[in-house]
C-alpha atoms as a PDB file:
ATOM      1  CA  MET A   1     -47.561   5.785 -17.538  1.00  0.00           C
ATOM      2  CA  SER A   2     -45.638   7.505 -14.796  1.00  0.00           C
ATOM      3  CA  LEU A   3     -43.660   4.316 -14.298  1.00  0.00           C
ATOM      4  CA  ASN A   4     -42.395   4.382 -17.888  1.00  0.00           C
ATOM      5  CA  LYS A   5     -41.617   8.056 -17.638  1.00  0.00           C
ATOM      6  CA  SER A   6     -39.505   7.569 -14.520  1.00  0.00           C
ATOM      7  CA  ASN A   7     -37.688   4.642 -16.192  1.00  0.00           C
ATOM      8  CA  GLN A   8     -36.848   6.829 -19.177  1.00  0.00           C
ATOM      9  CA  GLU A   9     -35.535   9.539 -16.856  1.00  0.00           C
ATOM     10  CA  ALA A  10     -33.431   6.934 -15.048  1.00  0.00           C
ATOM     11  CA  ILE A  11     -32.005   5.718 -18.339  1.00  0.00           C
ATOM     12  CA  LYS A  12     -31.124   9.234 -19.384  1.00  0.00           C
ATOM     13  CA  THR A  13     -29.452   9.767 -16.064  1.00  0.00           C
ATOM     14  CA  ARG A  14     -27.389   6.601 -16.461  1.00  0.00           C
ATOM     15  CA  GLU A  15     -26.311   7.623 -19.934  1.00  0.00           C
ATOM     16  CA  GLN A  16     -25.386  11.056 -18.662  1.00  0.00           C
ATOM     17  CA  LEU A  17     -23.331   9.518 -15.848  1.00  0.00           C
ATOM     18  CA  LYS A  18     -21.490   7.273 -18.345  1.00  0.00           C
ATOM     19  CA  ASN A  19     -20.692  10.308 -20.525  1.00  0.00           C
ATOM     20  CA  GLU A  20     -19.489  12.288 -17.520  1.00  0.00           C
ATOM     21  CA  ARG A  21     -17.282   9.432 -16.353  1.00  0.00           C
ATOM     22  CA  SER A  22     -15.736   8.962 -19.766  1.00  0.00           C
ATOM     23  CA  LYS A  23     -14.968  12.690 -19.929  1.00  0.00           C
ATOM     24  CA  GLU A  24     -13.342  12.577 -16.480  1.00  0.00           C
ATOM     25  CA  GLU A  25     -11.190   9.536 -17.246  1.00  0.00           C
ATOM     26  CA  ALA A  26      -9.626  10.946 -20.427  1.00  0.00           C
ATOM     27  CA  PRO A  27      -7.369  13.513 -18.697  1.00  0.00           C
ATOM     28  CA  ARG A  28      -6.261  10.954 -16.107  1.00  0.00           C
ATOM     29  CA  LYS A  29      -4.467   8.833 -18.736  1.00  0.00           C
ATOM     30  CA  GLY A  30      -1.940  11.587 -19.428  1.00  0.00           C
ATOM     31  CA  ARG A  31      -1.070  12.010 -15.774  1.00  0.00           C
ATOM     32  CA  ILE A  32       2.637  11.787 -14.954  1.00  0.00           C
ATOM     33  CA  ARG A  33       3.630   9.476 -12.119  1.00  0.00           C
ATOM     34  CA  VAL A  34       6.221  10.789  -9.676  1.00  0.00           C
ATOM     35  CA  ARG A  35       8.343   8.046  -8.100  1.00  0.00           C
ATOM     36  CA  LEU A  36       9.217   8.368  -4.447  1.00  0.00           C
ATOM     37  CA  ILE A  37      12.447   6.400  -4.906  1.00  0.00           C
ATOM     38  CA  PRO A  38      14.332   6.909  -8.201  1.00  0.00           C
ATOM     39  CA  ILE A  39      15.356   3.884 -10.197  1.00  0.00           C
ATOM     40  CA  TRP A  40      19.109   4.428  -9.710  1.00  0.00           C
ATOM     41  CA  LEU A  41      18.588   4.482  -5.941  1.00  0.00           C
ATOM     42  CA  ARG A  42      16.526   1.287  -6.136  1.00  0.00           C
ATOM     43  CA  ILE A  43      19.388  -0.457  -7.950  1.00  0.00           C
ATOM     44  CA  ILE A  44      21.868   0.660  -5.260  1.00  0.00           C
ATOM     45  CA  ILE A  45      19.529  -0.482  -2.472  1.00  0.00           C
ATOM     46  CA  VAL A  46      19.060  -3.915  -4.110  1.00  0.00           C
ATOM     47  CA  ALA A  47      22.846  -4.301  -4.542  1.00  0.00           C
ATOM     48  CA  LEU A  48      23.413  -3.411  -0.874  1.00  0.00           C
ATOM     49  CA  LEU A  49      20.734  -5.855   0.242  1.00  0.00           C
ATOM     50  CA  ILE A  50      22.309  -8.646  -1.812  1.00  0.00           C
ATOM     51  CA  PHE A  51      25.728  -7.875  -0.319  1.00  0.00           C
ATOM     52  CA  LEU A  52      24.246  -7.811   3.175  1.00  0.00           C
ATOM     53  CA  SER A  53      22.459 -11.123   2.679  1.00  0.00           C
ATOM     54  CA  VAL A  54      25.689 -12.759   1.443  1.00  0.00           C
ATOM     55  CA  MET A  55      27.543 -11.503   4.507  1.00  0.00           C
ATOM     56  CA  VAL A  56      24.832 -12.668   6.912  1.00  0.00           C
ATOM     57  CA  GLY A  57      24.698 -16.048   5.154  1.00  0.00           C
ATOM     58  CA  ALA A  58      28.471 -16.404   5.379  1.00  0.00           C
ATOM     59  CA  ALA A  59      28.406 -15.421   9.065  1.00  0.00           C
ATOM     60  CA  VAL A  60      25.762 -18.022   9.856  1.00  0.00           C
ATOM     61  CA  GLY A  61      27.370 -20.708   7.706  1.00  0.00           C
ATOM     62  CA  TYR A  62      30.951 -20.174   8.807  1.00  0.00           C
ATOM     63  CA  GLY A  63      30.403 -18.982  12.370  1.00  0.00           C
ATOM     64  CA  VAL A  64      27.411 -20.960  13.584  1.00  0.00           C
ATOM     65  CA  LEU A  65      27.289 -24.091  11.423  1.00  0.00           C
ATOM     66  CA  GLY A  66      31.062 -24.353  10.803  1.00  0.00           C
ATOM     67  CA  ASN A  67      32.083 -23.715  14.422  1.00  0.00           C
ATOM     68  CA  GLY A  68      34.361 -20.828  13.404  1.00  0.00           C
ATOM     69  CA  GLU A  69      34.628 -17.234  14.549  1.00  0.00           C
ATOM     70  CA  VAL A  70      32.009 -14.966  12.984  1.00  0.00           C
ATOM     71  CA  LYS A  71      34.491 -12.097  12.717  1.00  0.00           C
ATOM     72  CA  ASP A  72      36.805 -14.262  10.581  1.00  0.00           C
ATOM     73  CA  ILE A  73      34.550 -13.878   7.548  1.00  0.00           C
ATOM     74  CA  PHE A  74      35.882 -10.359   7.099  1.00  0.00           C
ATOM     75  CA  THR A  75      39.475 -11.500   6.646  1.00  0.00           C
ATOM     76  CA  LYS A  76      40.976 -12.137   3.252  1.00  0.00           C
ATOM     77  CA  SER A  77      42.615 -15.415   4.260  1.00  0.00           C
ATOM     78  CA  THR A  78      39.235 -16.951   5.041  1.00  0.00           C
ATOM     79  CA  TRP A  79      37.867 -16.094   1.610  1.00  0.00           C
ATOM     80  CA  THR A  80      40.956 -17.400  -0.169  1.00  0.00           C
ATOM     81  CA  HIS A  81      40.603 -20.641   1.797  1.00  0.00           C
ATOM     82  CA  ILE A  82      36.923 -20.894   0.819  1.00  0.00           C
ATOM     83  CA  VAL A  83      37.748 -20.253  -2.846  1.00  0.00           C
ATOM     84  CA  GLU A  84      40.492 -22.904  -2.721  1.00  0.00           C
ATOM     85  CA  LEU A  85      38.035 -25.430  -1.286  1.00  0.00           C
ATOM     86  CA  VAL A  86      35.475 -24.679  -3.993  1.00  0.00           C
ATOM     87  CA  GLU A  87      37.977 -24.836  -6.856  1.00  0.00           C
ATOM     88  CA  LYS A  88      39.706 -27.992  -5.558  1.00  0.00           C
ATOM     89  CA  GLU A  89      39.300 -30.920  -7.932  1.00  0.00           C
END
């Protein structure tokens, strides 16, 4: 009989724990999240990373693979020449 009594107490305890947990979780849903990096700054960072990757890719492609000077990718004449080659039919 003591075994049944302890089981009933354990069941009550589990039910009480479930009720306590559900009460604790309700206020957490309305919690406001504070972002460390604002969205506008994320967009700027992504744009800068895209620009940087294009420049590094051009430097590797033009300077290393194309046997040209790496510093030439920053001149306008190089980019006009590249655009002319791409648009050539």
